[in-house]
Amino acid sequence: MGVTKEERRRWDERYSTGSYQPRPAASPFLESWITRLPVGRSLDLACGAGRNALRLAEAGQRVDAVDISSAGVEMARAEAARRGLDVTWVVADLDTFQLETAAYDLITVIRYANPELWPRVAESLAPNGWLLVEHHMQTERDVLGPTDSRFRLQPQELLDAFSSLRIIFYEEAIEPADHPADCGQGMYAVVRLVACNGDPGF
């Protein structure tokens, strides 16, 4: 599911007005894998205010980070400058953004659902490149997060979408909400995947 022009405007407004508070730190899922990931050229898709792209840069990755919200990217750019980190920031619509083929040693897609993008993501991995995906999942449980099922991934969807890759880790879980606005208020349904385009080195 891509992002419409109206949704782009809303995201810019949320970032600009402060009505949306980005998570202050990188995804704990990314953090738990970061020492095992190949260091090289990486791509963070739907980077938002840059929390994961910045963490990748801190870990020595050469990072390209893409998001549709210019306001979010400007926040990320300012934080990168404050920390002295070098990240290539790109404002673009991922529905039309041209991903380079066989270009990235690592791609991260955290809290963004766009099934039409999955084939292009797989093609953009370099030989032996790694992929990390984390997002909200469809469920019958009463959970927080996106209320529109189009913005949630179906159970097993990532396994089907990336069946051409070597699946290293896969998880579906119901767990406490971790966003500052939701923390302590309820639960999330999440799905996580780590995969490799070839040999992960073990």
N, C-alpha and C. Protein backbone atom coordinates (compact mmCIF):
# COMPACT_ATOMS: atom_id res chain seq x y z
N MET A 1 0.84 -1.19 0.00
CA MET A 1 0.00 0.00 0.00
C MET A 1 0.87 1.24 0.00
N GLY A 2 0.81 2.01 -1.06
CA GLY A 2 1.60 3.22 -1.17
C GLY A 2 0.98 4.37 -0.38
N VAL A 3 1.61 5.53 -0.48
CA VAL A 3 1.17 6.71 0.24
C VAL A 3 0.61 7.72 -0.76
N THR A 4 -0.61 8.19 -0.55
CA THR A 4 -1.23 9.15 -1.45
C THR A 4 -0.67 10.55 -1.18
N LYS A 5 -0.99 11.48 -2.09
CA LYS A 5 -0.54 12.86 -1.89
C LYS A 5 -1.13 13.46 -0.62
N GLU A 6 -2.37 13.10 -0.33
CA GLU A 6 -3.00 13.60 0.89
C GLU A 6 -2.31 13.05 2.13
N GLU A 7 -1.95 11.79 2.08
CA GLU A 7 -1.24 11.20 3.22
C GLU A 7 0.14 11.81 3.36
N ARG A 8 0.78 12.11 2.23
CA ARG A 8 2.07 12.81 2.27
C ARG A 8 1.93 14.16 2.98
N ARG A 9 0.88 14.91 2.62
CA ARG A 9 0.64 16.19 3.27
C ARG A 9 0.41 16.02 4.76
N ARG A 10 -0.33 14.97 5.11
CA ARG A 10 -0.62 14.74 6.53
C ARG A 10 0.66 14.40 7.30
N TRP A 11 1.53 13.59 6.70
CA TRP A 11 2.78 13.26 7.38
C TRP A 11 3.64 14.49 7.55
N ASP A 12 3.72 15.33 6.53
CA ASP A 12 4.48 16.57 6.65
C ASP A 12 3.92 17.44 7.78
N GLU A 13 2.60 17.50 7.85
CA GLU A 13 1.95 18.30 8.90
C GLU A 13 2.22 17.71 10.28
N ARG A 14 2.16 16.39 10.39
CA ARG A 14 2.42 15.75 11.69
C ARG A 14 3.82 16.04 12.19
N TYR A 15 4.81 15.92 11.29
CA TYR A 15 6.19 16.19 11.68
C TYR A 15 6.37 17.68 11.99
N SER A 16 5.82 18.55 11.15
CA SER A 16 6.03 19.99 11.29
C SER A 16 5.39 20.55 12.55
N THR A 17 4.22 20.03 12.90
CA THR A 17 3.50 20.56 14.06
C THR A 17 3.86 19.86 15.36
N GLY A 18 4.53 18.71 15.26
CA GLY A 18 4.87 17.96 16.45
C GLY A 18 3.75 17.07 16.94
N SER A 19 2.66 16.95 16.15
CA SER A 19 1.56 16.09 16.58
C SER A 19 1.95 14.62 16.53
N TYR A 20 2.96 14.29 15.72
CA TYR A 20 3.49 12.93 15.70
C TYR A 20 4.87 12.96 16.33
N GLN A 21 5.04 12.16 17.37
CA GLN A 21 6.32 12.09 18.05
C GLN A 21 7.07 10.83 17.60
N PRO A 22 8.13 11.00 16.80
CA PRO A 22 8.88 9.82 16.35
C PRO A 22 9.49 9.08 17.53
N ARG A 23 9.67 7.79 17.35
CA ARG A 23 10.38 7.03 18.37
C ARG A 23 11.78 7.58 18.52
N PRO A 24 12.27 7.69 19.75
CA PRO A 24 13.57 8.34 19.98
C PRO A 24 14.77 7.48 19.64
N ALA A 25 14.57 6.18 19.49
CA ALA A 25 15.71 5.28 19.27
C ALA A 25 15.39 4.31 18.14
N ALA A 26 16.42 3.66 17.65
CA ALA A 26 16.25 2.68 16.58
C ALA A 26 15.36 1.54 17.04
N SER A 27 14.79 0.84 16.07
CA SER A 27 13.97 -0.33 16.36
C SER A 27 14.75 -1.34 17.20
N PRO A 28 14.20 -1.83 18.31
CA PRO A 28 14.89 -2.87 19.07
C PRO A 28 15.18 -4.11 18.23
N PHE A 29 14.33 -4.38 17.25
CA PHE A 29 14.57 -5.50 16.34
C PHE A 29 15.84 -5.28 15.54
N LEU A 30 15.99 -4.10 14.96
CA LEU A 30 17.24 -3.78 14.26
C LEU A 30 18.42 -3.83 15.21
N GLU A 31 18.26 -3.28 16.39
CA GLU A 31 19.35 -3.26 17.37
C GLU A 31 19.81 -4.67 17.71
N SER A 32 18.87 -5.60 17.79
CA SER A 32 19.22 -6.98 18.17
C SER A 32 20.00 -7.70 17.08
N TRP A 33 19.95 -7.21 15.85
CA TRP A 33 20.63 -7.86 14.72
C TRP A 33 21.85 -7.09 14.23
N ILE A 34 22.04 -5.88 14.69
CA ILE A 34 22.96 -4.97 14.02
C ILE A 34 24.41 -5.46 14.01
N THR A 35 24.83 -6.20 15.01
CA THR A 35 26.21 -6.68 15.01
C THR A 35 26.41 -7.87 14.08
N ARG A 36 25.31 -8.46 13.60
CA ARG A 36 25.41 -9.62 12.70
C ARG A 36 25.24 -9.25 11.23
N LEU A 37 24.94 -7.99 10.97
CA LEU A 37 24.65 -7.57 9.61
C LEU A 37 25.92 -7.25 8.84
N PRO A 38 25.93 -7.50 7.53
CA PRO A 38 27.10 -7.14 6.72
C PRO A 38 27.24 -5.62 6.66
N VAL A 39 28.47 -5.15 6.76
CA VAL A 39 28.72 -3.71 6.68
C VAL A 39 29.05 -3.36 5.24
N GLY A 40 28.32 -2.42 4.70
CA GLY A 40 28.52 -2.02 3.32
C GLY A 40 27.52 -0.94 2.97
N ARG A 41 26.96 -1.03 1.79
CA ARG A 41 25.97 -0.06 1.35
C ARG A 41 24.59 -0.52 1.82
N SER A 42 23.85 0.35 2.49
CA SER A 42 22.54 -0.03 3.02
C SER A 42 21.49 0.98 2.60
N LEU A 43 20.24 0.52 2.63
CA LEU A 43 19.08 1.32 2.23
C LEU A 43 18.01 1.19 3.28
N ASP A 44 17.57 2.34 3.82
CA ASP A 44 16.47 2.36 4.78
C ASP A 44 15.26 2.97 4.09
N LEU A 45 14.24 2.16 3.84
CA LEU A 45 13.05 2.60 3.13
C LEU A 45 11.99 3.09 4.11
N ALA A 46 11.31 4.18 3.75
CA ALA A 46 10.33 4.83 4.62
C ALA A 46 11.01 5.18 5.95
N CYS A 47 12.08 5.97 5.85
CA CYS A 47 12.95 6.23 7.00
C CYS A 47 12.33 7.16 8.02
N GLY A 48 11.27 7.91 7.67
CA GLY A 48 10.66 8.83 8.62
C GLY A 48 11.66 9.87 9.10
N ALA A 49 11.76 10.04 10.41
CA ALA A 49 12.69 11.01 10.99
C ALA A 49 14.09 10.44 11.16
N GLY A 50 14.33 9.25 10.63
CA GLY A 50 15.69 8.76 10.48
C GLY A 50 16.27 7.90 11.57
N ARG A 51 15.47 7.45 12.53
CA ARG A 51 16.05 6.75 13.67
C ARG A 51 16.85 5.51 13.27
N ASN A 52 16.35 4.73 12.32
CA ASN A 52 17.07 3.52 11.94
C ASN A 52 18.23 3.81 11.00
N ALA A 53 18.05 4.76 10.09
CA ALA A 53 19.15 5.14 9.21
C ALA A 53 20.33 5.69 10.00
N LEU A 54 20.05 6.48 11.00
CA LEU A 54 21.11 7.03 11.84
C LEU A 54 21.84 5.94 12.60
N ARG A 55 21.11 4.97 13.08
CA ARG A 55 21.76 3.86 13.80
C ARG A 55 22.64 3.04 12.86
N LEU A 56 22.17 2.84 11.64
CA LEU A 56 22.98 2.12 10.66
C LEU A 56 24.27 2.89 10.36
N ALA A 57 24.15 4.20 10.22
CA ALA A 57 25.35 5.02 9.97
C ALA A 57 26.32 4.93 11.14
N GLU A 58 25.80 4.93 12.35
CA GLU A 58 26.66 4.79 13.53
C GLU A 58 27.41 3.46 13.51
N ALA A 59 26.79 2.44 12.91
CA ALA A 59 27.40 1.11 12.85
C ALA A 59 28.35 0.96 11.68
N GLY A 60 28.58 2.04 10.94
CA GLY A 60 29.55 2.00 9.86
C GLY A 60 28.99 1.73 8.48
N GLN A 61 27.66 1.70 8.37
CA GLN A 61 27.04 1.48 7.07
C GLN A 61 27.09 2.76 6.22
N ARG A 62 27.16 2.59 4.90
CA ARG A 62 27.00 3.71 3.96
C ARG A 62 25.51 3.75 3.60
N VAL A 63 24.79 4.71 4.14
CA VAL A 63 23.34 4.64 4.17
C VAL A 63 22.68 5.58 3.17
N ASP A 64 21.75 5.03 2.38
CA ASP A 64 20.77 5.81 1.64
C ASP A 64 19.45 5.65 2.39
N ALA A 65 18.76 6.76 2.63
CA ALA A 65 17.50 6.72 3.38
C ALA A 65 16.43 7.48 2.61
N VAL A 66 15.26 6.85 2.43
CA VAL A 66 14.23 7.41 1.56
C VAL A 66 12.91 7.53 2.33
N ASP A 67 12.24 8.67 2.16
CA ASP A 67 10.90 8.83 2.74
C ASP A 67 10.13 9.84 1.91
N ILE A 68 8.82 9.74 1.95
CA ILE A 68 7.97 10.65 1.18
C ILE A 68 7.79 12.00 1.86
N SER A 69 8.05 12.08 3.17
CA SER A 69 7.82 13.30 3.92
C SER A 69 9.08 14.17 3.96
N SER A 70 9.02 15.32 3.32
CA SER A 70 10.17 16.23 3.35
C SER A 70 10.41 16.75 4.77
N ALA A 71 9.33 16.93 5.54
CA ALA A 71 9.48 17.41 6.91
C ALA A 71 10.20 16.37 7.77
N GLY A 72 9.83 15.11 7.61
CA GLY A 72 10.50 14.05 8.35
C GLY A 72 11.97 13.95 7.98
N VAL A 73 12.26 14.03 6.68
CA VAL A 73 13.65 13.93 6.22
C VAL A 73 14.47 15.11 6.72
N GLU A 74 13.89 16.30 6.79
CA GLU A 74 14.63 17.45 7.30
C GLU A 74 14.97 17.27 8.77
N MET A 75 14.06 16.67 9.54
CA MET A 75 14.36 16.35 10.93
C MET A 75 15.52 15.37 11.00
N ALA A 76 15.50 14.37 10.13
CA ALA A 76 16.57 13.37 10.11
C ALA A 76 17.90 14.00 9.71
N ARG A 77 17.86 14.87 8.71
CA ARG A 77 19.08 15.53 8.23
C ARG A 77 19.72 16.37 9.35
N ALA A 78 18.86 17.08 10.08
CA ALA A 78 19.37 17.92 11.17
C ALA A 78 20.01 17.07 12.27
N GLU A 79 19.37 15.94 12.58
CA GLU A 79 19.92 15.07 13.63
C GLU A 79 21.23 14.43 13.17
N ALA A 80 21.32 14.07 11.89
CA ALA A 80 22.57 13.52 11.36
C ALA A 80 23.69 14.55 11.46
N ALA A 81 23.38 15.80 11.14
CA ALA A 81 24.39 16.85 11.25
C ALA A 81 24.82 17.04 12.71
N ARG A 82 23.87 16.98 13.61
CA ARG A 82 24.18 17.13 15.03
C ARG A 82 25.12 16.04 15.52
N ARG A 83 24.92 14.82 15.01
CA ARG A 83 25.74 13.68 15.44
C ARG A 83 27.00 13.50 14.60
N GLY A 84 27.12 14.29 13.54
CA GLY A 84 28.28 14.13 12.67
C GLY A 84 28.24 12.87 11.84
N LEU A 85 27.03 12.47 11.40
CA LEU A 85 26.86 11.25 10.63
C LEU A 85 26.56 11.58 9.18
N ASP A 86 27.09 10.76 8.28
CA ASP A 86 26.91 10.97 6.84
C ASP A 86 25.86 9.99 6.31
N VAL A 87 24.71 10.52 5.92
CA VAL A 87 23.63 9.73 5.35
C VAL A 87 23.14 10.45 4.09
N THR A 88 22.85 9.69 3.04
CA THR A 88 22.25 10.27 1.84
C THR A 88 20.74 10.24 2.00
N TRP A 89 20.14 11.41 2.20
CA TRP A 89 18.70 11.51 2.43
C TRP A 89 17.99 11.81 1.12
N VAL A 90 16.89 11.09 0.86
CA VAL A 90 16.14 11.24 -0.39
C VAL A 90 14.66 11.39 -0.07
N VAL A 91 14.03 12.43 -0.59
CA VAL A 91 12.57 12.59 -0.49
C VAL A 91 11.97 12.04 -1.78
N ALA A 92 11.18 10.97 -1.67
CA ALA A 92 10.61 10.34 -2.86
C ALA A 92 9.42 9.49 -2.49
N ASP A 93 8.54 9.29 -3.46
CA ASP A 93 7.40 8.39 -3.33
C ASP A 93 7.88 6.99 -3.69
N LEU A 94 7.78 6.07 -2.76
CA LEU A 94 8.30 4.72 -2.99
C LEU A 94 7.50 3.95 -4.03
N ASP A 95 6.31 4.43 -4.38
CA ASP A 95 5.56 3.80 -5.46
C ASP A 95 6.26 4.00 -6.81
N THR A 96 7.00 5.09 -6.93
CA THR A 96 7.64 5.40 -8.22
C THR A 96 9.16 5.49 -8.12
N PHE A 97 9.70 5.46 -6.93
CA PHE A 97 11.15 5.56 -6.74
C PHE A 97 11.86 4.38 -7.38
N GLN A 98 12.91 4.65 -8.15
CA GLN A 98 13.65 3.60 -8.85
C GLN A 98 14.75 3.04 -7.95
N LEU A 99 14.55 1.82 -7.48
CA LEU A 99 15.57 1.16 -6.69
C LEU A 99 16.62 0.57 -7.62
N GLU A 100 17.88 0.73 -7.26
CA GLU A 100 18.96 0.16 -8.05
C GLU A 100 18.95 -1.36 -7.93
N THR A 101 19.27 -2.03 -9.01
CA THR A 101 19.29 -3.49 -9.02
C THR A 101 20.61 -4.01 -8.44
N ALA A 102 20.51 -5.02 -7.58
CA ALA A 102 21.68 -5.70 -7.00
C ALA A 102 22.67 -4.71 -6.38
N ALA A 103 22.15 -3.71 -5.66
CA ALA A 103 22.99 -2.61 -5.21
C ALA A 103 23.31 -2.60 -3.72
N TYR A 104 22.47 -3.22 -2.88
CA TYR A 104 22.58 -3.00 -1.45
C TYR A 104 22.95 -4.27 -0.68
N ASP A 105 23.88 -4.09 0.24
CA ASP A 105 24.28 -5.19 1.13
C ASP A 105 23.26 -5.38 2.26
N LEU A 106 22.46 -4.36 2.50
CA LEU A 106 21.44 -4.42 3.54
C LEU A 106 20.30 -3.50 3.18
N ILE A 107 19.07 -3.98 3.34
CA ILE A 107 17.88 -3.14 3.19
C ILE A 107 17.02 -3.32 4.43
N THR A 108 16.58 -2.21 5.00
CA THR A 108 15.67 -2.26 6.14
C THR A 108 14.35 -1.59 5.77
N VAL A 109 13.25 -2.23 6.18
CA VAL A 109 11.91 -1.69 5.97
C VAL A 109 11.17 -1.85 7.30
N ILE A 110 11.14 -0.78 8.07
CA ILE A 110 10.60 -0.84 9.43
C ILE A 110 9.32 -0.01 9.53
N ARG A 111 8.23 -0.69 9.88
CA ARG A 111 6.92 -0.06 10.08
C ARG A 111 6.42 0.63 8.80
N TYR A 112 6.50 -0.09 7.70
CA TYR A 112 5.98 0.41 6.42
C TYR A 112 5.50 -0.79 5.61
N ALA A 113 4.28 -0.70 5.10
CA ALA A 113 3.70 -1.80 4.33
C ALA A 113 3.42 -1.34 2.91
N ASN A 114 4.01 -2.03 1.93
CA ASN A 114 3.77 -1.74 0.53
C ASN A 114 4.07 -3.00 -0.27
N PRO A 115 3.12 -3.94 -0.34
CA PRO A 115 3.38 -5.22 -1.01
C PRO A 115 3.85 -5.09 -2.45
N GLU A 116 3.41 -4.03 -3.14
CA GLU A 116 3.86 -3.86 -4.52
C GLU A 116 5.35 -3.55 -4.60
N LEU A 117 5.92 -3.13 -3.49
CA LEU A 117 7.34 -2.80 -3.44
C LEU A 117 8.22 -4.04 -3.24
N TRP A 118 7.65 -5.12 -2.69
CA TRP A 118 8.47 -6.27 -2.28
C TRP A 118 9.33 -6.85 -3.42
N PRO A 119 8.80 -7.04 -4.63
CA PRO A 119 9.66 -7.60 -5.68
C PRO A 119 10.86 -6.70 -5.99
N ARG A 120 10.66 -5.40 -5.98
CA ARG A 120 11.76 -4.47 -6.26
C ARG A 120 12.78 -4.47 -5.14
N VAL A 121 12.32 -4.67 -3.90
CA VAL A 121 13.23 -4.76 -2.77
C VAL A 121 14.16 -5.97 -2.93
N ALA A 122 13.57 -7.11 -3.25
CA ALA A 122 14.38 -8.33 -3.43
C ALA A 122 15.39 -8.15 -4.55
N GLU A 123 14.98 -7.52 -5.64
CA GLU A 123 15.88 -7.32 -6.77
C GLU A 123 16.99 -6.33 -6.45
N SER A 124 16.77 -5.46 -5.48
CA SER A 124 17.76 -4.45 -5.14
C SER A 124 18.85 -4.96 -4.21
N LEU A 125 18.67 -6.15 -3.65
CA LEU A 125 19.70 -6.73 -2.79
C LEU A 125 20.89 -7.19 -3.62
N ALA A 126 22.08 -6.86 -3.15
CA ALA A 126 23.30 -7.38 -3.77
C ALA A 126 23.42 -8.87 -3.47
N PRO A 127 24.25 -9.60 -4.19
CA PRO A 127 24.50 -11.00 -3.82
C PRO A 127 24.92 -11.09 -2.35
N ASN A 128 24.28 -11.99 -1.62
CA ASN A 128 24.51 -12.19 -0.19
C ASN A 128 24.02 -11.01 0.66
N GLY A 129 23.25 -10.10 0.06
CA GLY A 129 22.70 -8.98 0.82
C GLY A 129 21.59 -9.41 1.77
N TRP A 130 21.44 -8.66 2.84
CA TRP A 130 20.46 -8.98 3.88
C TRP A 130 19.27 -8.03 3.84
N LEU A 131 18.14 -8.54 4.31
CA LEU A 131 16.90 -7.77 4.39
C LEU A 131 16.30 -7.91 5.78
N LEU A 132 15.90 -6.78 6.38
CA LEU A 132 15.15 -6.79 7.64
C LEU A 132 13.83 -6.06 7.43
N VAL A 133 12.72 -6.71 7.80
CA VAL A 133 11.40 -6.10 7.70
C VAL A 133 10.69 -6.28 9.04
N GLU A 134 10.04 -5.22 9.49
CA GLU A 134 9.22 -5.28 10.71
C GLU A 134 7.99 -4.41 10.48
N HIS A 135 6.81 -4.97 10.78
CA HIS A 135 5.60 -4.15 10.59
C HIS A 135 4.44 -4.71 11.41
N HIS A 136 3.37 -3.91 11.45
CA HIS A 136 2.13 -4.34 12.08
C HIS A 136 1.48 -5.43 11.23
N MET A 137 0.82 -6.37 11.91
CA MET A 137 0.22 -7.53 11.25
C MET A 137 -1.30 -7.53 11.45
N GLN A 138 -2.00 -8.06 10.48
CA GLN A 138 -3.44 -8.23 10.61
C GLN A 138 -3.74 -9.29 11.67
N THR A 139 -4.76 -9.04 12.46
CA THR A 139 -5.15 -9.97 13.52
C THR A 139 -6.58 -9.70 13.95
N GLU A 140 -7.21 -10.70 14.54
CA GLU A 140 -8.54 -10.52 15.11
C GLU A 140 -8.47 -9.99 16.54
N ARG A 141 -7.27 -9.96 17.10
CA ARG A 141 -7.10 -9.45 18.46
C ARG A 141 -7.31 -7.95 18.51
N ASP A 142 -7.66 -7.45 19.69
CA ASP A 142 -7.83 -6.02 19.92
C ASP A 142 -6.45 -5.41 20.17
N VAL A 143 -5.88 -4.80 19.13
CA VAL A 143 -4.53 -4.26 19.24
C VAL A 143 -4.50 -2.81 18.76
N LEU A 144 -3.44 -2.12 19.13
CA LEU A 144 -3.21 -0.75 18.69
C LEU A 144 -2.47 -0.75 17.35
N GLY A 145 -2.34 0.43 16.78
CA GLY A 145 -1.66 0.53 15.49
C GLY A 145 -2.65 0.90 14.41
N PRO A 146 -2.28 0.69 13.14
CA PRO A 146 -3.16 1.08 12.03
C PRO A 146 -4.54 0.45 12.14
N THR A 147 -5.56 1.25 11.94
CA THR A 147 -6.93 0.74 12.01
C THR A 147 -7.43 0.21 10.68
N ASP A 148 -6.75 0.58 9.61
CA ASP A 148 -7.09 0.11 8.27
C ASP A 148 -6.24 -1.11 7.94
N SER A 149 -6.89 -2.24 7.65
CA SER A 149 -6.15 -3.49 7.41
C SER A 149 -5.22 -3.39 6.20
N ARG A 150 -5.45 -2.42 5.32
CA ARG A 150 -4.55 -2.25 4.18
C ARG A 150 -3.16 -1.84 4.62
N PHE A 151 -3.06 -1.26 5.81
CA PHE A 151 -1.77 -0.81 6.32
C PHE A 151 -1.17 -1.81 7.28
N ARG A 152 -1.67 -3.04 7.23
CA ARG A 152 -1.10 -4.14 8.00
C ARG A 152 -0.74 -5.29 7.06
N LEU A 153 0.27 -6.05 7.42
CA LEU A 153 0.66 -7.20 6.62
C LEU A 153 -0.12 -8.43 7.06
N GLN A 154 -0.43 -9.29 6.13
CA GLN A 154 -1.11 -10.53 6.44
C GLN A 154 -0.14 -11.54 7.06
N PRO A 155 -0.61 -12.43 7.93
CA PRO A 155 0.25 -13.50 8.41
C PRO A 155 0.83 -14.27 7.22
N GLN A 156 2.10 -14.59 7.31
CA GLN A 156 2.83 -15.36 6.29
C GLN A 156 3.11 -14.56 5.01
N GLU A 157 2.61 -13.34 4.91
CA GLU A 157 2.79 -12.57 3.68
C GLU A 157 4.26 -12.38 3.32
N LEU A 158 5.08 -12.06 4.31
CA LEU A 158 6.50 -11.83 4.04
C LEU A 158 7.21 -13.10 3.59
N LEU A 159 6.80 -14.24 4.13
CA LEU A 159 7.40 -15.50 3.71
C LEU A 159 7.12 -15.78 2.24
N ASP A 160 5.90 -15.47 1.82
CA ASP A 160 5.55 -15.66 0.41
C ASP A 160 6.27 -14.64 -0.47
N ALA A 161 6.30 -13.38 -0.02
CA ALA A 161 6.88 -12.32 -0.83
C ALA A 161 8.37 -12.50 -1.06
N PHE A 162 9.07 -13.05 -0.07
CA PHE A 162 10.52 -13.19 -0.16
C PHE A 162 10.95 -14.65 -0.17
N SER A 163 10.14 -15.48 -0.79
CA SER A 163 10.46 -16.92 -0.84
C SER A 163 11.72 -17.21 -1.66
N SER A 164 12.13 -16.27 -2.50
CA SER A 164 13.35 -16.47 -3.28
C SER A 164 14.61 -16.28 -2.45
N LEU A 165 14.45 -15.71 -1.25
CA LEU A 165 15.59 -15.46 -0.37
C LEU A 165 15.72 -16.56 0.67
N ARG A 166 16.86 -16.62 1.30
CA ARG A 166 17.06 -17.55 2.42
C ARG A 166 16.50 -16.89 3.68
N ILE A 167 15.49 -17.49 4.26
CA ILE A 167 14.87 -16.95 5.46
C ILE A 167 15.71 -17.33 6.67
N ILE A 168 16.22 -16.34 7.36
CA ILE A 168 17.08 -16.56 8.53
C ILE A 168 16.28 -16.50 9.81
N PHE A 169 15.29 -15.60 9.84
CA PHE A 169 14.47 -15.43 11.04
C PHE A 169 13.09 -14.97 10.62
N TYR A 170 12.06 -15.51 11.29
CA TYR A 170 10.69 -15.06 11.05
C TYR A 170 9.91 -15.17 12.34
N GLU A 171 9.08 -14.14 12.60
CA GLU A 171 8.32 -14.11 13.85
C GLU A 171 7.01 -13.37 13.65
N GLU A 172 5.94 -13.91 14.21
CA GLU A 172 4.67 -13.21 14.36
C GLU A 172 4.37 -13.16 15.86
N ALA A 173 4.02 -11.97 16.36
CA ALA A 173 3.89 -11.86 17.81
C ALA A 173 2.83 -10.83 18.20
N ILE A 174 2.23 -11.05 19.36
CA ILE A 174 1.42 -10.06 20.05
C ILE A 174 2.23 -9.62 21.26
N GLU A 175 2.53 -8.31 21.34
CA GLU A 175 3.43 -7.84 22.38
C GLU A 175 3.06 -6.44 22.83
N PRO A 176 3.57 -5.99 23.99
CA PRO A 176 3.23 -4.65 24.47
C PRO A 176 3.62 -3.56 23.48
N ALA A 177 2.76 -2.57 23.32
CA ALA A 177 3.04 -1.44 22.43
C ALA A 177 4.29 -0.72 22.89
N ASP A 178 5.12 -0.28 21.92
CA ASP A 178 6.39 0.35 22.27
C ASP A 178 6.50 1.81 21.83
N HIS A 179 5.50 2.34 21.13
CA HIS A 179 5.56 3.75 20.76
C HIS A 179 5.26 4.60 21.98
N PRO A 180 5.99 5.73 22.16
CA PRO A 180 5.74 6.57 23.34
C PRO A 180 4.28 6.96 23.53
N ALA A 181 3.55 7.15 22.42
CA ALA A 181 2.14 7.55 22.54
C ALA A 181 1.26 6.39 23.00
N ASP A 182 1.72 5.15 22.78
CA ASP A 182 0.91 3.97 23.09
C ASP A 182 1.44 3.17 24.27
N CYS A 183 2.67 3.44 24.68
CA CYS A 183 3.33 2.60 25.67
C CYS A 183 2.49 2.49 26.95
N GLY A 184 2.27 1.25 27.36
CA GLY A 184 1.47 1.00 28.55
C GLY A 184 -0.02 1.01 28.31
N GLN A 185 -0.43 1.28 27.08
CA GLN A 185 -1.86 1.42 26.78
C GLN A 185 -2.47 0.18 26.14
N GLY A 186 -1.65 -0.71 25.60
CA GLY A 186 -2.21 -1.86 24.91
C GLY A 186 -1.14 -2.68 24.23
N MET A 187 -1.57 -3.45 23.23
CA MET A 187 -0.69 -4.40 22.58
C MET A 187 -0.59 -4.11 21.08
N TYR A 188 0.51 -4.57 20.48
CA TYR A 188 0.70 -4.54 19.03
C TYR A 188 0.71 -5.98 18.50
N ALA A 189 0.27 -6.15 17.27
CA ALA A 189 0.49 -7.39 16.53
C ALA A 189 1.58 -7.07 15.50
N VAL A 190 2.69 -7.77 15.55
CA VAL A 190 3.83 -7.46 14.68
C VAL A 190 4.33 -8.71 13.97
N VAL A 191 4.96 -8.47 12.84
CA VAL A 191 5.62 -9.53 12.10
C VAL A 191 7.02 -9.05 11.76
N ARG A 192 7.99 -9.96 11.83
CA ARG A 192 9.40 -9.60 11.60
C ARG A 192 10.05 -10.68 10.73
N LEU A 193 10.92 -10.22 9.85
CA LEU A 193 11.63 -11.13 8.97
C LEU A 193 13.06 -10.66 8.77
N VAL A 194 13.98 -11.62 8.76
CA VAL A 194 15.36 -11.39 8.33
C VAL A 194 15.64 -12.42 7.25
N ALA A 195 16.16 -11.96 6.11
CA ALA A 195 16.42 -12.87 5.00
C ALA A 195 17.70 -12.46 4.30
N CYS A 196 18.25 -13.37 3.50
CA CYS A 196 19.50 -13.12 2.82
C CYS A 196 19.41 -13.57 1.36
N ASN A 197 19.99 -12.79 0.48
CA ASN A 197 20.01 -13.10 -0.94
C ASN A 197 21.23 -13.96 -1.27
N GLY A 198 21.24 -15.15 -0.69
CA GLY A 198 22.37 -16.05 -0.94
C GLY A 198 22.92 -16.61 0.35
N ASP A 199 24.22 -16.44 0.57
CA ASP A 199 24.92 -17.04 1.70
C ASP A 199 25.09 -16.00 2.81
N PRO A 200 24.50 -16.22 3.99
CA PRO A 200 24.64 -15.26 5.08
C PRO A 200 25.99 -15.37 5.79
N GLY A 201 26.79 -16.35 5.46
CA GLY A 201 28.10 -16.49 6.06
C GLY A 201 28.17 -17.45 7.24
N PHE A 202 27.14 -18.26 7.39
CA PHE A 202 27.17 -19.29 8.45
C PHE A 202 26.40 -20.51 8.01
